[in-house]
Protein backbone atom coordinates (compact mmCIF):
# COMPACT_ATOMS: atom_id res chain seq x y z
CA MET A 1 -107.70 258.91 55.14
CA SER A 2 -104.51 257.02 55.08
CA LEU A 3 -102.15 257.25 52.26
CA GLU A 4 -100.79 253.68 52.91
CA SER A 5 -101.60 250.93 50.53
CA PRO A 6 -103.97 248.29 51.69
CA HIS A 7 -100.98 245.75 51.54
CA SER A 8 -98.91 248.00 53.79
CA LEU A 9 -101.80 248.35 56.22
CA LEU A 10 -102.46 244.60 56.26
CA ASN A 11 -98.67 244.13 57.13
CA GLU A 12 -99.04 246.57 59.96
CA TYR A 13 -102.10 244.66 61.30
CA LEU A 14 -100.27 241.21 60.95
CA GLN A 15 -97.40 242.55 62.87
CA GLU A 16 -99.77 244.07 65.53
CA PHE A 17 -101.47 240.70 65.73
CA ALA A 18 -98.21 238.83 66.12
CA HIS A 19 -97.27 241.09 68.90
CA GLU A 20 -100.50 240.63 70.71
CA ILE A 21 -100.62 236.86 70.26
CA GLY A 22 -96.93 236.90 71.64
CA ILE A 23 -98.11 238.67 74.81
CA ILE A 24 -100.99 236.34 75.32
CA CYS A 25 -98.69 233.39 74.80
CA ALA A 26 -96.35 234.74 77.45
CA LEU A 27 -99.13 235.48 79.87
CA GLU A 28 -100.37 231.79 79.59
CA ALA A 29 -96.79 230.43 79.85
CA GLY A 30 -96.23 232.44 82.95
CA GLY A 31 -99.51 231.29 84.62
CA LYS A 32 -101.10 234.79 84.48
CA ILE A 33 -104.09 233.38 82.41
CA ASP A 34 -105.23 229.84 81.88
CA SER A 35 -105.15 228.14 78.55
CA LYS A 36 -108.92 228.53 77.86
CA GLU A 37 -108.60 232.39 78.44
CA ALA A 38 -105.57 232.46 76.07
CA TYR A 39 -107.41 230.51 73.44
CA SER A 40 -110.41 232.93 73.90
CA GLN A 41 -108.11 235.95 73.52
CA VAL A 42 -106.31 234.58 70.50
CA LYS A 43 -109.62 233.71 68.87
CA ALA A 44 -110.80 237.25 69.36
CA LYS A 45 -107.75 238.75 67.86
CA TRP A 46 -108.04 236.44 65.00
CA LYS A 47 -111.59 237.69 64.34
CA GLU A 48 -110.37 241.31 64.48
CA LEU A 49 -107.67 240.51 62.05
CA LYS A 50 -110.08 238.86 59.58
CA ALA A 51 -112.44 241.90 59.94
CA LYS A 52 -109.66 244.31 59.19
CA LYS A 53 -108.59 242.28 56.19
CA LYS A 54 -112.08 242.20 54.81
CA GLU A 55 -112.41 245.87 54.93
CA LEU A 56 -109.26 246.27 52.96
CA PHE A 57 -109.77 243.54 50.49
CA PRO A 58 -113.61 243.02 50.34
CA LYS A 59 -113.60 241.48 46.85
CA ILE A 60 -111.05 238.73 47.73
CA ASP A 61 -113.44 237.34 50.22
CA GLN A 62 -116.17 237.10 47.67
CA VAL A 63 -114.22 235.09 45.07
CA GLY A 64 -114.78 231.32 45.02
């Protein structure tokens, strides 16, 4: 089990997400993938990030 706080882990996940999105954007801008593929990949990465957040902070998603 990790000794890092949930907030630290979320920060790492956010940094990883930003890095991956940057790569996807660069691939799209460079013509290596089309905009639909880029959108699909970004959407998938967003879903992954949301799932990780929900694992770290399950009660926050239930409020409201």
